[in-house]
Protein backbone atom coordinates (compact mmCIF):
# COMPACT_ATOMS: atom_id res chain seq x y z
CA MET A 1 0.00 0.00 0.00
CA THR A 2 1.48 3.33 -1.06
CA ALA A 3 1.80 5.79 1.82
CA LEU A 4 -0.09 9.06 1.51
CA ARG A 5 2.17 12.04 1.04
CA LYS A 6 1.66 15.16 3.11
CA ILE A 7 -1.99 14.44 3.73
CA TYR A 8 -3.16 17.77 5.12
CA SER A 9 -1.70 20.00 2.45
CA PHE A 10 -2.77 23.39 1.17
CA ASN A 11 -4.32 21.64 -1.79
CA GLY A 12 -6.59 19.44 0.31
CA PHE A 13 -6.02 15.72 0.89
CA SER A 14 -2.73 15.27 -0.95
CA ASN A 15 -0.10 17.05 -3.01
CA GLU A 16 -0.54 14.79 -6.01
CA ASP A 17 -1.02 16.95 -9.10
CA ASP A 18 -4.16 16.82 -11.23
CA LYS A 19 -2.52 14.78 -14.00
CA THR A 20 -1.57 12.09 -11.50
CA ILE A 21 -5.14 11.93 -10.16
CA PHE A 22 -6.55 11.65 -13.69
CA ASN A 23 -4.14 8.78 -14.40
CA LEU A 24 -4.93 7.00 -11.13
CA GLU A 25 -8.65 7.00 -11.92
CA GLU A 26 -7.96 5.90 -15.49
CA ASP A 27 -5.71 3.04 -14.44
CA TYR A 28 -7.51 1.78 -11.34
CA GLY A 29 -11.14 2.88 -11.59
CA ALA A 30 -14.14 1.64 -13.56
CA HIS A 31 -15.01 4.01 -16.38
CA HIS A 32 -18.63 4.37 -15.28
CA TYR A 33 -18.89 8.16 -15.12
CA GLU A 34 -18.23 10.82 -17.72
CA ARG A 35 -16.15 13.39 -15.87
CA ILE A 36 -14.98 16.90 -16.58
CA ASN A 37 -11.27 17.61 -16.17
CA LEU A 38 -11.40 19.18 -12.73
CA VAL A 39 -9.97 17.82 -9.49
CA VAL A 40 -11.74 19.45 -6.54
CA ARG A 41 -9.38 19.96 -3.60
CA GLN A 42 -11.69 21.81 -1.21
CA ALA A 43 -15.42 22.44 -0.92
CA LYS A 44 -17.00 25.07 1.30
CA GLY A 45 -20.44 26.64 1.14
CA CYS A 46 -21.30 27.04 -2.54
CA TRP A 47 -17.72 26.95 -3.81
CA LEU A 48 -15.27 24.31 -5.03
CA THR A 49 -11.53 24.93 -5.29
CA ASP A 50 -8.89 23.36 -7.55
CA GLU A 51 -5.13 22.86 -6.94
CA LYS A 52 -4.28 26.32 -8.26
CA GLY A 53 -6.75 28.04 -5.95
CA ASN A 54 -9.33 28.71 -8.67
CA ASN A 55 -12.90 28.81 -7.34
CA TYR A 56 -15.98 27.37 -9.05
CA LEU A 57 -19.58 28.06 -8.11
CA ASP A 58 -21.25 24.71 -7.50
CA CYS A 59 -24.56 24.82 -9.37
CA LEU A 60 -25.23 21.09 -8.89
CA ALA A 61 -24.84 20.56 -5.13
CA ALA A 62 -24.12 16.89 -5.88
CA TYR A 63 -27.62 16.51 -7.30
CA SER A 64 -29.20 18.01 -4.17
CA ALA A 65 -26.98 16.23 -1.62
CA ALA A 66 -25.32 19.48 -0.49
CA ASN A 67 -28.49 21.51 0.06
CA PRO A 68 -27.12 23.25 3.18
CA GLY A 69 -23.80 23.94 1.45
CA HIS A 70 -20.54 22.02 1.64
CA HIS A 71 -19.09 21.41 5.11
CA HIS A 72 -21.84 23.26 6.92
CA PRO A 73 -20.28 24.11 10.31
CA THR A 74 -23.17 22.75 12.39
CA ILE A 75 -23.19 19.39 10.62
CA THR A 76 -19.40 19.14 10.38
CA GLY A 77 -19.10 20.04 14.06
CA ALA A 78 -21.57 17.34 15.08
CA VAL A 79 -19.65 14.73 13.06
CA MET A 80 -16.31 15.82 14.53
CA ASP A 81 -17.72 15.68 18.07
CA ALA A 82 -18.99 12.15 17.43
CA LEU A 83 -15.61 11.00 16.13
CA MET A 84 -13.66 12.57 18.97
CA GLY A 85 -16.24 11.44 21.54
CA ASN A 86 -16.02 7.80 20.48
CA TYR A 87 -19.72 7.40 19.69
CA ALA A 88 -19.43 7.34 15.88
CA SER A 89 -18.36 3.80 15.08
CA VAL A 90 -20.52 1.24 13.34
CA LEU A 91 -21.91 -1.29 15.82
CA SER A 92 -23.66 -4.61 15.52
CA ASN A 93 -27.40 -4.28 15.02
CA VAL A 94 -27.98 -6.53 18.03
CA VAL A 95 -27.47 -3.47 20.28
CA TYR A 96 -29.20 -0.10 20.48
CA THR A 97 -27.60 3.33 20.00
CA ASP A 98 -28.98 6.67 21.10
CA PRO A 99 -28.11 8.45 17.79
CA LEU A 100 -30.28 5.97 15.86
CA GLY A 101 -33.22 6.21 18.25
CA ILE A 102 -33.16 10.01 18.24
CA PHE A 103 -32.69 10.20 14.46
CA LEU A 104 -35.60 7.83 13.79
CA SER A 105 -37.83 9.88 16.07
CA GLU A 106 -36.91 13.20 14.47
CA VAL A 107 -37.08 12.11 10.82
CA SER A 108 -40.40 10.30 11.36
CA GLN A 109 -41.88 13.54 12.71
CA PHE A 110 -40.20 15.58 9.98
CA ALA A 111 -42.68 14.05 7.52
CA PRO A 112 -46.46 14.43 7.75
CA GLN A 113 -48.52 11.40 8.68
CA MET A 114 -47.95 8.98 5.81
CA ALA A 115 -50.87 6.91 4.46
CA PRO A 116 -53.46 8.72 6.61
CA ARG A 117 -56.26 6.51 5.23
CA PHE A 118 -54.78 3.70 7.36
CA GLY A 119 -55.11 5.75 10.53
CA ASN A 120 -53.14 8.22 12.60
CA HIS A 121 -50.56 5.77 13.93
CA GLY A 122 -47.52 7.99 13.39
CA ASN A 123 -44.69 7.17 11.03
CA LYS A 124 -41.92 4.59 11.18
CA VAL A 125 -38.58 4.74 9.40
CA LEU A 126 -36.25 2.17 7.87
CA PRO A 127 -32.76 3.69 7.35
CA LYS A 128 -30.25 2.72 4.67
CA ASN A 129 -27.17 4.26 3.02
CA GLY A 130 -27.44 5.45 -0.59
CA GLY A 131 -30.83 6.51 -1.90
CA VAL A 132 -31.25 3.55 -4.23
CA GLU A 133 -31.17 1.21 -1.22
CA SER A 134 -34.25 2.96 0.16
CA VAL A 135 -35.88 2.74 -3.26
CA ASP A 136 -35.34 -1.01 -3.01
CA THR A 137 -36.91 -0.94 0.46
CA ALA A 138 -39.93 0.90 -0.97
CA ILE A 139 -40.29 -1.69 -3.76
CA LYS A 140 -40.28 -4.45 -1.15
CA ALA A 141 -42.88 -2.55 0.86
CA MET A 142 -45.23 -2.14 -2.10
CA ARG A 143 -44.88 -5.77 -3.13
CA TYR A 144 -45.51 -7.07 0.39
CA PHE A 145 -48.48 -4.72 0.70
CA GLY A 146 -49.89 -6.28 -2.46
CA TYR A 147 -49.24 -9.79 -1.15
CA LYS A 148 -50.45 -9.37 2.42
CA HIS A 149 -53.08 -6.62 2.19
CA LYS A 150 -54.45 -7.06 -1.35
CA LEU A 151 -53.93 -10.84 -1.43
CA ILE A 152 -52.12 -10.78 -4.77
CA GLU A 153 -50.35 -14.05 -5.50
CA ASP A 154 -46.69 -13.69 -4.55
CA GLY A 155 -44.66 -13.14 -7.72
CA LYS A 156 -47.55 -11.52 -9.59
CA GLN A 157 -47.34 -8.07 -7.95
CA GLU A 158 -46.90 -5.11 -10.33
CA ILE A 159 -45.70 -1.57 -9.68
CA ILE A 160 -46.41 1.34 -12.03
CA VAL A 161 -43.40 3.55 -12.78
CA PHE A 162 -42.75 6.32 -15.31
CA ASP A 163 -40.82 6.78 -18.54
CA SER A 164 -37.50 8.63 -18.15
CA ASN A 165 -37.48 7.81 -14.45
CA PHE A 166 -34.28 7.71 -12.44
CA HIS A 167 -34.31 5.89 -9.10
CA GLY A 168 -30.75 4.54 -9.06
CA ARG A 169 -28.81 1.71 -10.66
CA THR A 170 -29.28 -1.57 -8.78
CA ILE A 171 -30.35 -4.45 -11.02
CA SER A 172 -34.02 -4.26 -10.00
CA VAL A 173 -34.13 -0.49 -10.42
CA VAL A 174 -32.47 -0.41 -13.84
CA SER A 175 -34.90 -3.13 -14.87
CA PHE A 176 -37.66 -0.53 -15.06
CA SER A 177 -35.53 2.28 -16.46
CA THR A 178 -36.40 3.39 -19.99
CA SER A 179 -32.76 4.35 -20.63
CA ARG A 180 -31.01 1.67 -22.67
CA LYS A 181 -27.55 2.53 -21.36
CA TYR A 182 -28.56 1.73 -17.77
CA LYS A 183 -29.62 -1.86 -18.46
CA GLU A 184 -28.22 -3.20 -21.75
CA GLY A 185 -26.24 -6.37 -21.14
CA PHE A 186 -27.22 -6.68 -17.47
CA GLY A 187 -30.07 -9.13 -17.99
CA PRO A 188 -31.99 -11.09 -16.95
CA LEU A 189 -33.90 -8.09 -15.65
CA THR A 190 -36.33 -8.03 -12.75
CA PRO A 191 -40.00 -8.31 -13.80
CA GLY A 192 -43.04 -6.74 -12.12
CA PHE A 193 -42.89 -3.15 -13.38
CA VAL A 194 -45.08 -1.29 -15.88
CA SER A 195 -43.76 2.02 -17.23
CA VAL A 196 -46.06 4.73 -18.58
CA GLU A 197 -45.65 8.31 -19.77
CA PHE A 198 -44.74 10.76 -17.00
CA GLY A 199 -47.57 13.20 -16.41
CA ASN A 200 -50.17 11.15 -18.34
CA LEU A 201 -52.86 10.27 -15.83
CA GLU A 202 -54.97 8.38 -18.39
CA ALA A 203 -52.00 6.12 -19.15
CA VAL A 204 -51.71 5.34 -15.45
CA LYS A 205 -55.41 4.50 -15.20
CA ASN A 206 -55.12 2.15 -18.18
CA ALA A 207 -52.12 0.39 -16.60
CA VAL A 208 -53.91 -0.50 -13.35
CA ASN A 209 -55.00 -4.14 -13.11
CA LYS A 210 -55.79 -6.72 -10.44
CA ASN A 211 -52.08 -7.29 -9.73
CA THR A 212 -51.15 -3.62 -9.34
CA CYS A 213 -49.93 -2.96 -5.81
CA GLY A 214 -48.35 0.49 -6.01
CA ILE A 215 -47.13 3.53 -7.91
CA LEU A 216 -43.56 4.84 -7.60
CA VAL A 217 -43.11 8.43 -8.78
CA GLU A 218 -40.66 11.31 -8.68
CA PRO A 219 -42.83 14.40 -8.05
CA MET A 220 -40.47 16.18 -10.44
CA GLN A 221 -38.00 14.39 -12.68
CA GLY A 222 -34.39 15.49 -12.39
CA GLU A 223 -32.31 13.10 -14.48
CA GLY A 224 -35.28 12.70 -16.83
CA GLY A 225 -34.88 16.28 -18.07
CA MET A 226 -35.94 18.52 -15.16
CA LYS A 227 -39.61 17.80 -15.91
CA ILE A 228 -42.58 19.14 -13.96
CA PRO A 229 -45.77 17.09 -14.37
CA PRO A 230 -49.03 18.83 -15.34
CA LYS A 231 -50.95 20.44 -12.50
CA GLY A 232 -53.24 17.90 -10.89
CA PHE A 233 -51.14 14.87 -11.85
CA LEU A 234 -50.01 13.99 -8.33
CA LYS A 235 -53.47 14.67 -6.98
CA GLY A 236 -54.84 12.33 -9.65
CA LEU A 237 -52.37 9.63 -8.61
CA ARG A 238 -53.47 10.05 -5.01
CA GLU A 239 -57.14 9.63 -5.95
CA LEU A 240 -56.34 6.62 -8.13
CA CYS A 241 -54.43 4.92 -5.32
CA ASP A 242 -57.24 5.59 -2.89
CA SER A 243 -59.90 4.15 -5.21
CA HIS A 244 -57.86 1.04 -6.14
CA ASP A 245 -56.21 0.52 -2.73
CA LEU A 246 -52.64 1.01 -4.00
CA MET A 247 -49.54 2.34 -2.24
CA LEU A 248 -48.36 5.69 -3.59
CA VAL A 249 -44.65 6.22 -2.91
CA CYS A 250 -42.82 9.45 -3.74
CA ASP A 251 -39.09 9.34 -4.43
CA GLU A 252 -37.93 12.70 -3.04
CA ILE A 253 -34.22 11.89 -2.94
CA GLN A 254 -33.42 14.81 -5.28
CA VAL A 255 -36.46 17.05 -4.86
CA GLY A 256 -37.13 16.79 -1.12
CA MET A 257 -35.51 18.58 1.84
CA GLY A 258 -36.50 22.03 0.57
CA ARG A 259 -35.07 21.80 -2.94
CA THR A 260 -38.26 22.92 -4.75
CA GLY A 261 -39.26 25.54 -2.20
CA ARG A 262 -41.30 23.24 0.06
CA LYS A 263 -40.16 20.72 2.63
CA PHE A 264 -41.43 17.99 0.30
CA CYS A 265 -42.12 18.39 -3.40
CA PHE A 266 -45.47 16.58 -3.08
CA GLU A 267 -46.70 19.48 -0.93
CA HIS A 268 -47.04 21.62 -4.06
CA GLU A 269 -50.17 19.62 -4.88
CA GLU A 270 -51.31 19.32 -1.27
CA ILE A 271 -51.24 15.53 -1.21
CA VAL A 272 -49.76 13.04 1.23
CA PRO A 273 -48.29 9.80 -0.17
CA ASP A 274 -48.30 6.43 1.55
CA GLY A 275 -44.53 6.41 1.71
CA VAL A 276 -41.65 8.73 0.95
CA ILE A 277 -37.98 8.12 0.17
CA LEU A 278 -35.33 10.63 1.30
CA GLY A 279 -31.56 10.60 0.85
CA LYS A 280 -28.74 12.86 -0.35
CA ALA A 281 -29.34 16.07 1.67
CA LEU A 282 -30.62 14.06 4.66
CA SER A 283 -27.09 14.11 6.13
CA GLY A 284 -26.07 17.45 4.67
CA GLY A 285 -24.03 15.70 2.00
CA LEU A 286 -21.36 14.43 4.40
CA ILE A 287 -22.25 10.77 4.95
CA PRO A 288 -24.41 8.33 2.94
CA LEU A 289 -27.85 8.20 4.59
CA SER A 290 -31.30 7.45 3.25
CA VAL A 291 -34.70 6.45 4.61
CA PHE A 292 -38.04 4.99 3.65
CA ILE A 293 -40.86 6.46 5.74
CA THR A 294 -44.38 5.09 5.93
CA ASN A 295 -47.33 4.75 8.29
CA ALA A 296 -46.36 2.76 11.40
CA LYS A 297 -49.23 0.34 10.76
CA LEU A 298 -47.92 -0.48 7.27
CA MET A 299 -44.28 -0.67 8.36
CA ASP A 300 -45.16 -3.16 11.11
CA MET A 301 -47.22 -5.22 8.69
CA ILE A 302 -44.51 -5.35 6.02
CA PHE A 303 -41.20 -5.82 7.83
CA SER A 304 -40.46 -8.35 10.55
CA LYS A 305 -37.23 -9.29 12.31
CA GLY A 306 -34.76 -10.60 9.77
CA SER A 307 -36.74 -9.56 6.68
CA GLU A 308 -34.59 -6.47 6.06
CA GLY A 309 -31.30 -5.08 7.26
CA SER A 310 -28.08 -3.18 6.57
CA THR A 311 -24.76 -3.15 8.43
CA PHE A 312 -24.22 0.57 7.94
CA GLY A 313 -27.87 1.56 7.56
CA GLY A 314 -28.54 4.02 10.38
CA TYR A 315 -25.11 3.67 12.00
CA PRO A 316 -24.24 6.27 14.66
CA LEU A 317 -22.08 8.67 12.63
CA ALA A 318 -24.67 8.88 9.84
CA CYS A 319 -27.45 9.46 12.35
CA VAL A 320 -25.50 12.23 14.08
CA ALA A 321 -25.08 13.95 10.70
CA GLY A 322 -28.78 13.42 9.95
CA ILE A 323 -29.93 14.94 13.23
CA ALA A 324 -27.70 17.97 12.65
CA ALA A 325 -28.89 18.35 9.04
CA LEU A 326 -32.55 18.31 10.12
CA ARG A 327 -31.73 20.98 12.69
CA VAL A 328 -30.06 23.15 10.04
CA PHE A 329 -33.03 22.67 7.70
CA GLU A 330 -35.43 24.03 10.32
CA GLU A 331 -33.26 26.72 11.90
CA GLU A 332 -32.10 28.22 8.60
CA ASN A 333 -35.49 27.89 6.86
CA LEU A 334 -33.91 26.20 3.85
CA ALA A 335 -37.23 25.53 2.09
CA GLU A 336 -38.22 29.19 2.39
CA GLN A 337 -34.78 30.22 1.13
CA ALA A 338 -35.16 27.98 -1.91
CA ALA A 339 -38.64 29.33 -2.67
CA ARG A 340 -37.57 32.97 -2.44
CA LYS A 341 -34.23 32.70 -4.21
CA GLY A 342 -35.53 30.24 -6.81
CA LYS A 343 -38.29 32.62 -7.86
CA VAL A 344 -35.80 35.43 -8.43
CA LEU A 345 -33.23 33.21 -10.14
CA LYS A 346 -35.76 31.62 -12.50
CA GLU A 347 -37.12 35.02 -13.52
CA ARG A 348 -33.60 36.25 -14.29
CA ILE A 349 -32.82 33.13 -16.33
CA GLU A 350 -36.11 33.53 -18.22
CA LYS A 351 -35.07 37.06 -19.20
CA ILE A 352 -31.86 35.64 -20.66
CA ALA A 353 -33.86 32.96 -22.46
CA GLU A 354 -36.07 35.57 -24.12
CA LYS A 355 -33.01 36.98 -25.90
CA SER A 356 -31.06 33.76 -26.38
CA PRO A 357 -30.94 31.95 -29.74
CA HIS A 358 -30.01 28.73 -27.91
CA VAL A 359 -32.71 28.30 -25.25
CA LYS A 360 -35.92 26.41 -25.92
CA GLU A 361 -37.49 26.55 -22.45
CA VAL A 362 -36.81 27.32 -18.79
CA ARG A 363 -38.70 25.29 -16.19
CA GLY A 364 -38.44 24.48 -12.51
CA GLN A 365 -39.53 25.17 -8.98
CA GLY A 366 -37.47 26.58 -6.15
CA LEU A 367 -33.77 26.02 -6.77
CA PHE A 368 -34.43 23.13 -9.15
CA ILE A 369 -34.23 24.75 -12.58
CA GLY A 370 -33.68 23.35 -16.04
CA ILE A 371 -32.63 25.25 -19.18
CA GLU A 372 -33.54 23.20 -22.25
CA MET A 373 -31.44 23.92 -25.32
CA ASN A 374 -32.69 24.11 -28.89
CA ASN A 375 -29.95 21.92 -30.34
CA GLY A 376 -30.19 19.29 -27.62
CA LYS A 377 -26.46 19.53 -26.89
CA ALA A 378 -26.53 20.88 -23.36
CA MET A 379 -23.11 19.49 -22.43
CA GLU A 380 -21.41 21.82 -24.93
CA PHE A 381 -22.76 24.76 -22.95
CA CYS A 382 -21.85 23.10 -19.64
CA GLN A 383 -18.22 22.87 -20.81
CA LYS A 384 -18.20 26.57 -21.71
CA LEU A 385 -19.65 27.48 -18.31
CA LEU A 386 -16.97 25.42 -16.57
CA LYS A 387 -14.30 27.65 -18.10
CA LEU A 388 -16.15 30.62 -16.61
CA GLY A 389 -16.27 29.14 -13.11
CA LEU A 390 -19.67 27.41 -13.02
CA ILE A 391 -20.11 23.70 -12.27
CA VAL A 392 -23.22 22.51 -14.11
CA ASN A 393 -24.22 19.33 -15.89
CA ASP A 394 -26.70 18.20 -18.51
CA SER A 395 -29.94 16.40 -17.78
CA HIS A 396 -31.08 13.86 -20.37
CA GLY A 397 -28.63 15.43 -22.84
CA HIS A 398 -30.80 18.39 -23.73
CA THR A 399 -31.15 20.43 -20.53
CA ILE A 400 -28.71 22.37 -18.34
CA ARG A 401 -29.39 21.61 -14.71
CA ILE A 402 -29.25 24.46 -12.19
CA SER A 403 -29.52 23.21 -8.59
CA PRO A 404 -27.06 25.06 -6.32
CA PRO A 405 -26.90 24.75 -2.53
CA LEU A 406 -29.96 26.37 -0.97
CA VAL A 407 -27.73 28.79 0.95
CA ILE A 408 -26.55 30.52 -2.23
CA ASN A 409 -26.50 34.29 -1.69
CA GLU A 410 -27.36 37.27 -3.89
CA GLN A 411 -23.78 37.95 -4.95
CA GLU A 412 -23.31 34.32 -5.95
CA MET A 413 -26.51 34.40 -7.98
CA ASP A 414 -25.27 37.57 -9.69
CA PHE A 415 -22.07 35.73 -10.63
CA MET A 416 -24.09 32.81 -12.01
CA ILE A 417 -26.29 35.09 -14.13
CA GLU A 418 -23.27 36.94 -15.51
CA GLN A 419 -21.71 33.70 -16.73
CA LEU A 420 -24.99 32.37 -18.13
CA GLU A 421 -25.38 35.59 -20.12
CA LYS A 422 -21.90 35.24 -21.62
CA VAL A 423 -22.67 31.72 -22.88
CA LEU A 424 -26.37 31.81 -23.70
CA LEU A 425 -26.38 35.21 -25.40
CA ASP A 426 -23.29 34.45 -27.51
């Protein structure tokens, strides 16, 4: 094992130059991501820094993982205290820990009463690591609900999903992706999913049959092109699930935790799902942490001892970060910040779009904004913006994604607009 050289250097973790890091990833890493040629040495607030001290405004926030900004002092401080206080280590799940108990209590109350048609029993939480693990938990929950509650023959359960969805990349999840690159060559794929057009309520109604047990939906699609469904779509899904006794589960990994200007994106249509999935920003972007939340009555019906588990799911250090991140969310009014700043930012981007020969449409809510390009080659514009100090990425190839940390300030938004003008009005 090669020893690390001068670990705590001015440049961050090491003094290895960028070329060396590029070569290390090329030689020893799977080529599963398309990267831009930037090695980030430090991250603080809304800014990323390279080895030469150049700063870049982070307009992605790790796809909503860094909603409170990078290395938020409250969250970082809580994690450091846990490490130094010797209550951070992963422990066997045969014992209890106070960080897990407190985290479960706080995150269950962070959400409204899930599945209220089953009674006001409170919520229960099943914690995992990355978001896709909690998507898998939600799939299990819907299938067991169909088996136990609806008496569907085990193995016949079906879940309705949506075209251009993105819920992660495990084998079951890519099985219902409509993106060829996510699943080609990875068969046999997992059956039991029916995909219909996002936003098309009639298509959903036509897909329901006697074996349907649930609907899994992103209230807004991020990776699918920053798409907002038609008004009334989520409300229609809620009514459909009520009338057919289905579980409605919202994947809010990217759009929850204040990102769209509300605590939860589903609140824009004043509905309550039967279950919700959170991840990314749940720990402030410092430690992998995700949850599936549902009505306590359903959780107790679905999962029994030994039917689900995870060594690191809900381990003390992650829970400490999660508790701190929830505190920051409330104390700093992150949802209100996103609503206020997002309204201003979207209006300013729309003014650019009116004069731009490149922009087809601007859409979004809160600080979750997409700029669709006429030529469909959004990455070309992302590369130009990188040279001007903005970190952005394309969504579905045709749309520039704008989703900065929710703590972005007025001066930082001014900087963003200035760079967007240089590229989009060229």
